[in-house]
Structure formats: C-alpha cells, structure tokens
Amino acid sequence: MTRRNSLIAGLLLMGLAASARAEPRLFLPPQPVRVPTLPQTTQIPLDSLPQHLREKVRLVIARPSLSAKGPAETFNTDLGTYHWLLGNPDLTVKLWRLQGAKVTEIEQRGALSRWSDDQGSEVVWQTALRTPGMHVWYAEGKIKASVLPMTSFRAVAVMHYVEGKDHDGKPAIRHQVHFMVHCDSMTVSLATRILGASAPRQTEQYLAQLQMFYGGMAWYLTQDEARAKRMYRQIGLTLPSEAVHAIVPTRAP
C-alpha cells in the first residue's frame, strides 16, 4: 500500500472494517434493476440512539472535519444474510479469509468491535442504530497514519440500503455508505495538502471497499446454499436445523 493510500485509509476509514481489502473483481455481482432510489442525505434520529451515544453522534454529524460517501452499488442477496453480516464484522472477516482475501483481524468484545495495529492505532466501534434501510456505526479511537501524528477521532458511518428485485424476480439490495469523522483540524489540513487533488477519488475507493466487505460477501453467500453452509461451519458457526430461504447462523456455544 502506498503512503497516500495508507494515509487516506487510516484517516478516513478508521478501521471500520475497511481494512478488509476485499478485491472487487473477485466477486463482481450483476447489476439488478427495480431497486428504489437511495436517500441522498443522512438524517439520523438521535432520539432513537442509546442515551450514552446521542451527544457523541450529534457532535460528529453537526461538526464533521471530513465527510464522504461511497458509490451506490446494487447486488443480488437476501436481506437476512445482509443484515447478519452487518452485525458480525469479525465473522465477515473470517469468511473473506476462507476465500484468500487479505484482511485485518477484528476482535469482538460483546457489542464492541476492536481493530489495532503495531503503530499504536486503536479503533473501537459499535452498532449505534439499526432501522429498516439504515445501519449506523459509531467509532472512536486514535490513528497513526503515515507521516501524520497520532490523531484521536470520533466517527459515524451510516449504511443506507433499499430492497428490490431483478429482472428474474430475485431479491436485490442497493446500498451506499455515508462517512463522517470529527478530529483535529490541523491534521485534516495536513492530510489534504499531502493528498492534493487525489483525495476525493481515493476516499471513494476506500469507502467502496467497505461496501464490498459486506455487499460482496452477502452476494457470494447467496449464490450457492451448500457452499455457504460449508463456509459457516468452517468458521465454527451453528446452522438452523431446518432449511430456510435465508441461512442465518449463530455462534457456537
């Protein structure tokens, strides 16, 4: 990874599973139609958030140091599988590793997910809200990215998604992530000077990787039920005793 790539990944994505470098060409899904339009803006119902997160999330979305969104993507999958992956980033990492993808380990501590590296960076995030069509993560921690000093931050990532059908009537989902981060303005200015005109394009590329982390695996799992069951068992998951349309496994006791 180049210095610029490392910088933008560390500063903007903060380890929110985007460190899982899923190769987009590995599982390129078809582009279904008949999927509703995604919302163009992010409106988080703050009153619906857990009380201890409301003020933290409000600060980020009210005064973001940087904000960006990934490209809208559409793919075949069922909603149950997609929901399950959004809520289990550590297990999604394991599923990607089965396919040979180079991914960074995510540690799960109850409702909290944790990512760290050998430079002292540490990111802890959690699901702040799940509503139909929206999955909100809140993250905080510190990042040492390339030439930048260690930077503390708070971030909010909102995955918007809508359901639809393709030409054959198969279920499809279109999604897009909106990302906001609040951190030291001097660090943001330095990062902007280093990246220059390439910053918007590189940011979108890394947000696309975050979307591929969930959307690509959701598509892959629903292409072959038998293969999906084998993959789940390989990472130690328990499957439902009766076959259902959406195979939603559980962690083994």
Protein backbone atom coordinates (compact mmCIF):
# COMPACT_ATOMS: atom_id res chain seq x y z
CA MET A 1 0.00 0.00 0.00
CA THR A 2 1.41 3.41 -0.93
CA ARG A 3 1.91 6.24 1.54
CA ARG A 4 -1.09 8.09 0.19
CA ASN A 5 -3.31 5.03 0.28
CA SER A 6 -2.24 4.26 3.82
CA LEU A 7 -2.88 7.85 4.85
CA ILE A 8 -6.38 8.11 3.49
CA ALA A 9 -7.31 4.64 4.76
CA GLY A 10 -6.12 5.45 8.24
CA LEU A 11 -7.53 8.95 8.49
CA LEU A 12 -10.92 8.49 6.83
CA LEU A 13 -11.92 4.87 7.35
CA MET A 14 -10.56 4.42 10.86
CA GLY A 15 -10.55 0.66 10.62
CA LEU A 16 -14.32 0.40 10.23
CA ALA A 17 -13.90 -2.98 8.54
CA ALA A 18 -12.44 -1.21 5.51
CA SER A 19 -9.11 -2.71 6.45
CA ALA A 20 -10.64 -5.85 4.98
CA ARG A 21 -9.31 -5.38 1.46
CA ALA A 22 -11.89 -7.37 -0.46
CA GLU A 23 -10.91 -7.43 -4.13
CA PRO A 24 -13.91 -6.04 -6.08
CA ARG A 25 -13.13 -8.13 -9.17
CA LEU A 26 -13.16 -11.34 -7.17
CA PHE A 27 -16.93 -11.39 -6.70
CA LEU A 28 -18.34 -8.79 -9.05
CA PRO A 29 -22.14 -9.08 -8.74
CA PRO A 30 -24.56 -8.38 -11.57
CA GLN A 31 -26.46 -5.12 -11.60
CA PRO A 32 -30.15 -5.84 -10.94
CA VAL A 33 -32.91 -3.33 -11.59
CA ARG A 34 -36.21 -2.37 -9.94
CA VAL A 35 -34.50 -1.20 -6.78
CA PRO A 36 -35.75 2.04 -5.20
CA THR A 37 -33.59 5.14 -5.03
CA LEU A 38 -31.28 5.60 -2.05
CA PRO A 39 -31.60 8.70 0.15
CA GLN A 40 -29.19 11.46 -0.84
CA THR A 41 -28.72 12.83 2.68
CA THR A 42 -28.17 11.29 6.07
CA GLN A 43 -30.70 12.01 8.78
CA ILE A 44 -30.07 10.05 11.97
CA PRO A 45 -32.93 10.04 14.51
CA LEU A 46 -30.83 10.97 17.54
CA ASP A 47 -33.65 10.25 19.99
CA SER A 48 -33.57 6.62 18.86
CA LEU A 49 -29.89 6.19 19.77
CA PRO A 50 -28.73 4.75 23.11
CA GLN A 51 -28.52 7.63 25.57
CA HIS A 52 -24.75 7.33 26.08
CA LEU A 53 -24.14 7.75 22.33
CA ARG A 54 -26.53 10.59 21.48
CA GLU A 55 -24.26 13.52 22.25
CA LYS A 56 -21.21 11.83 20.71
CA VAL A 57 -23.01 11.13 17.44
CA ARG A 58 -24.58 14.59 17.42
CA LEU A 59 -21.14 16.21 17.66
CA VAL A 60 -19.78 14.25 14.71
CA ILE A 61 -22.70 14.88 12.36
CA ALA A 62 -23.04 18.53 13.41
CA ARG A 63 -19.35 19.42 13.01
CA PRO A 64 -17.61 16.85 10.80
CA SER A 65 -13.98 17.54 9.97
CA LEU A 66 -14.46 15.45 6.85
CA SER A 67 -17.42 13.73 5.24
CA ALA A 68 -17.75 11.49 2.21
CA LYS A 69 -19.91 8.78 0.68
CA GLY A 70 -19.20 5.69 -1.36
CA PRO A 71 -20.63 4.80 -4.78
CA ALA A 72 -24.15 3.36 -4.87
CA GLU A 73 -23.93 -0.39 -5.59
CA THR A 74 -26.60 -2.97 -6.41
CA PHE A 75 -26.33 -6.74 -5.99
CA ASN A 76 -28.39 -9.90 -5.54
CA THR A 77 -28.73 -11.16 -1.97
CA ASP A 78 -31.39 -11.78 0.64
CA LEU A 79 -31.98 -9.28 3.42
CA GLY A 80 -31.40 -11.78 6.23
CA THR A 81 -27.86 -12.60 5.11
CA TYR A 82 -27.02 -8.93 4.54
CA HIS A 83 -28.32 -7.94 7.99
CA TRP A 84 -26.34 -10.73 9.64
CA LEU A 85 -23.08 -9.65 8.02
CA LEU A 86 -23.58 -6.01 9.04
CA GLY A 87 -23.91 -7.10 12.64
CA ASN A 88 -20.95 -9.51 12.66
CA PRO A 89 -17.84 -7.83 11.19
CA ASP A 90 -15.42 -10.22 12.94
CA LEU A 91 -17.13 -13.24 11.36
CA THR A 92 -17.31 -11.50 7.99
CA VAL A 93 -13.52 -11.20 8.19
CA LYS A 94 -13.25 -14.96 8.71
CA LEU A 95 -15.49 -15.66 5.72
CA TRP A 96 -13.36 -13.43 3.49
CA ARG A 97 -10.21 -15.19 4.68
CA LEU A 98 -11.65 -18.50 3.55
CA GLN A 99 -11.58 -17.03 0.03
CA GLY A 100 -7.95 -15.94 0.34
CA ALA A 101 -8.61 -12.22 0.87
CA LYS A 102 -6.03 -10.26 2.86
CA VAL A 103 -7.94 -8.88 5.81
CA THR A 104 -7.07 -7.42 9.19
CA GLU A 105 -8.24 -9.21 12.33
CA ILE A 106 -11.22 -7.70 14.16
CA GLU A 107 -11.64 -8.51 17.84
CA GLN A 108 -15.17 -8.80 19.18
CA ARG A 109 -15.85 -7.81 22.80
CA GLY A 110 -19.55 -8.21 23.34
CA ALA A 111 -21.23 -5.42 21.38
CA LEU A 112 -17.89 -3.69 20.69
CA SER A 113 -15.57 -4.39 17.75
CA ARG A 114 -11.88 -3.51 18.02
CA TRP A 115 -9.11 -3.04 15.46
CA SER A 116 -5.47 -2.17 16.20
CA ASP A 117 -2.06 -2.18 14.52
CA ASP A 118 1.60 -2.23 15.52
CA GLN A 119 1.85 1.57 15.24
CA GLY A 120 -0.33 2.09 18.31
CA SER A 121 -3.52 2.77 16.39
CA GLU A 122 -6.70 1.51 18.02
CA VAL A 123 -10.31 1.79 16.89
CA VAL A 124 -13.38 0.64 18.81
CA TRP A 125 -16.80 0.76 17.19
CA GLN A 126 -20.33 -0.46 17.76
CA THR A 127 -23.71 -0.53 16.12
CA ALA A 128 -25.49 2.61 17.30
CA LEU A 129 -28.78 2.09 15.46
CA ARG A 130 -30.49 -0.43 13.21
CA THR A 131 -33.69 0.57 11.46
CA PRO A 132 -35.23 -0.63 8.18
CA GLY A 133 -32.93 0.75 5.49
CA MET A 134 -30.24 2.11 7.80
CA HIS A 135 -27.34 0.69 9.83
CA VAL A 136 -25.37 3.22 11.91
CA TRP A 137 -21.94 2.63 13.43
CA TYR A 138 -20.22 4.90 15.95
CA ALA A 139 -16.43 4.67 16.32
CA GLU A 140 -13.73 6.36 18.33
CA GLY A 141 -10.05 5.85 18.94
CA LYS A 142 -6.65 7.01 17.76
CA ILE A 143 -4.87 6.56 14.45
CA LYS A 144 -1.21 6.80 13.41
CA ALA A 145 -1.36 7.15 9.63
CA SER A 146 1.85 7.53 7.61
CA VAL A 147 3.53 10.92 8.26
CA LEU A 148 0.68 12.23 10.42
CA PRO A 149 0.95 12.45 14.20
CA MET A 150 -1.19 10.17 16.36
CA THR A 151 -4.72 11.50 15.91
CA SER A 152 -7.75 10.99 18.15
CA PHE A 153 -11.13 10.97 16.45
CA ARG A 154 -14.82 10.20 16.60
CA ALA A 155 -16.60 8.90 13.52
CA VAL A 156 -20.05 7.88 12.30
CA ALA A 157 -20.70 5.58 9.34
CA VAL A 158 -24.22 5.17 8.00
CA MET A 159 -25.03 2.35 5.58
CA HIS A 160 -28.21 3.15 3.68
CA TYR A 161 -29.84 0.26 1.80
CA VAL A 162 -33.06 -0.47 -0.08
CA GLU A 163 -34.60 -3.74 -1.24
CA GLY A 164 -35.80 -4.58 -4.72
CA LYS A 165 -36.00 -7.27 -7.40
CA ASP A 166 -34.01 -8.04 -10.53
CA HIS A 167 -35.48 -8.91 -13.95
CA ASP A 168 -35.95 -12.53 -12.83
CA GLY A 169 -37.71 -11.57 -9.61
CA LYS A 170 -34.73 -12.43 -7.39
CA PRO A 171 -34.14 -10.30 -4.27
CA ALA A 172 -31.63 -7.49 -4.64
CA ILE A 173 -30.20 -4.74 -2.48
CA ARG A 174 -28.73 -1.35 -3.31
CA HIS A 175 -26.54 0.25 -0.66
CA GLN A 176 -24.29 3.24 -0.06
CA VAL A 177 -22.23 4.27 2.96
CA HIS A 178 -22.02 7.84 4.28
CA PHE A 179 -18.98 8.56 6.46
CA MET A 180 -18.29 11.46 8.82
CA VAL A 181 -15.29 12.00 11.10
CA HIS A 182 -14.50 14.63 13.71
CA CYS A 183 -10.85 15.15 14.58
CA ASP A 184 -8.15 17.81 14.88
CA SER A 185 -8.48 20.35 12.05
CA MET A 186 -4.71 20.73 11.69
CA THR A 187 -4.40 17.03 10.97
CA VAL A 188 -7.12 17.27 8.33
CA SER A 189 -5.37 20.23 6.68
CA LEU A 190 -2.06 18.36 6.58
CA ALA A 191 -3.70 15.26 5.09
CA THR A 192 -5.42 17.39 2.45
CA ARG A 193 -2.14 19.04 1.43
CA ILE A 194 -0.38 15.67 1.13
CA LEU A 195 -3.16 14.05 -0.90
CA GLY A 196 -3.97 17.04 -3.05
CA ALA A 197 -6.47 16.55 -5.87
CA SER A 198 -6.46 12.76 -5.48
CA ALA A 199 -8.19 12.89 -2.07
CA PRO A 200 -11.85 12.62 -3.22
CA ARG A 201 -11.12 9.73 -5.60
CA GLN A 202 -9.05 7.80 -3.05
CA THR A 203 -11.67 8.35 -0.37
CA GLU A 204 -14.39 6.91 -2.61
CA GLN A 205 -12.20 3.90 -3.41
CA TYR A 206 -11.78 3.03 0.24
CA LEU A 207 -15.44 3.55 1.02
CA ALA A 208 -16.20 1.23 -1.89
CA GLN A 209 -14.00 -1.38 -0.17
CA LEU A 210 -16.07 -1.00 2.98
CA GLN A 211 -19.23 -1.59 0.93
CA MET A 212 -17.65 -4.57 -0.83
CA PHE A 213 -16.71 -6.05 2.54
CA TYR A 214 -20.40 -6.52 3.31
CA GLY A 215 -22.13 -6.47 -0.08
CA GLY A 216 -19.65 -8.71 -1.89
CA MET A 217 -19.81 -11.40 0.77
CA ALA A 218 -23.62 -11.16 1.01
CA TRP A 219 -23.82 -11.76 -2.74
CA TYR A 220 -21.34 -14.64 -2.64
CA LEU A 221 -23.09 -16.47 0.21
CA THR A 222 -26.47 -16.41 -1.51
CA GLN A 223 -25.20 -17.80 -4.84
CA ASP A 224 -24.72 -21.35 -3.51
CA GLU A 225 -26.54 -22.54 -0.38
CA ALA A 226 -24.43 -25.67 0.11
CA ARG A 227 -21.20 -23.67 -0.21
CA ALA A 228 -22.49 -21.09 2.26
CA LYS A 229 -23.25 -23.82 4.81
CA ARG A 230 -19.73 -25.24 4.44
CA MET A 231 -18.23 -21.80 4.94
CA TYR A 232 -20.29 -21.15 8.05
CA ARG A 233 -19.25 -24.47 9.57
CA GLN A 234 -15.59 -23.83 8.74
CA ILE A 235 -15.59 -20.76 10.97
CA GLY A 236 -17.37 -22.57 13.81
CA LEU A 237 -20.96 -21.39 13.36
CA THR A 238 -24.11 -23.35 14.15
CA LEU A 239 -26.73 -23.58 11.40
CA PRO A 240 -30.52 -23.76 11.87
CA SER A 241 -31.84 -27.31 11.92
CA GLU A 242 -34.40 -26.66 9.18
CA ALA A 243 -33.61 -25.18 5.80
CA VAL A 244 -34.82 -21.63 5.33
CA HIS A 245 -34.50 -19.18 2.45
CA ALA A 246 -32.01 -17.03 4.34
CA ILE A 247 -29.46 -19.09 6.24
CA VAL A 248 -28.72 -17.05 9.36
CA PRO A 249 -26.21 -18.92 11.52
CA THR A 250 -25.47 -18.44 15.20
CA ARG A 251 -22.22 -18.51 17.14
CA ALA A 252 -21.42 -21.92 18.59
CA PRO A 253 -21.78 -22.02 22.39
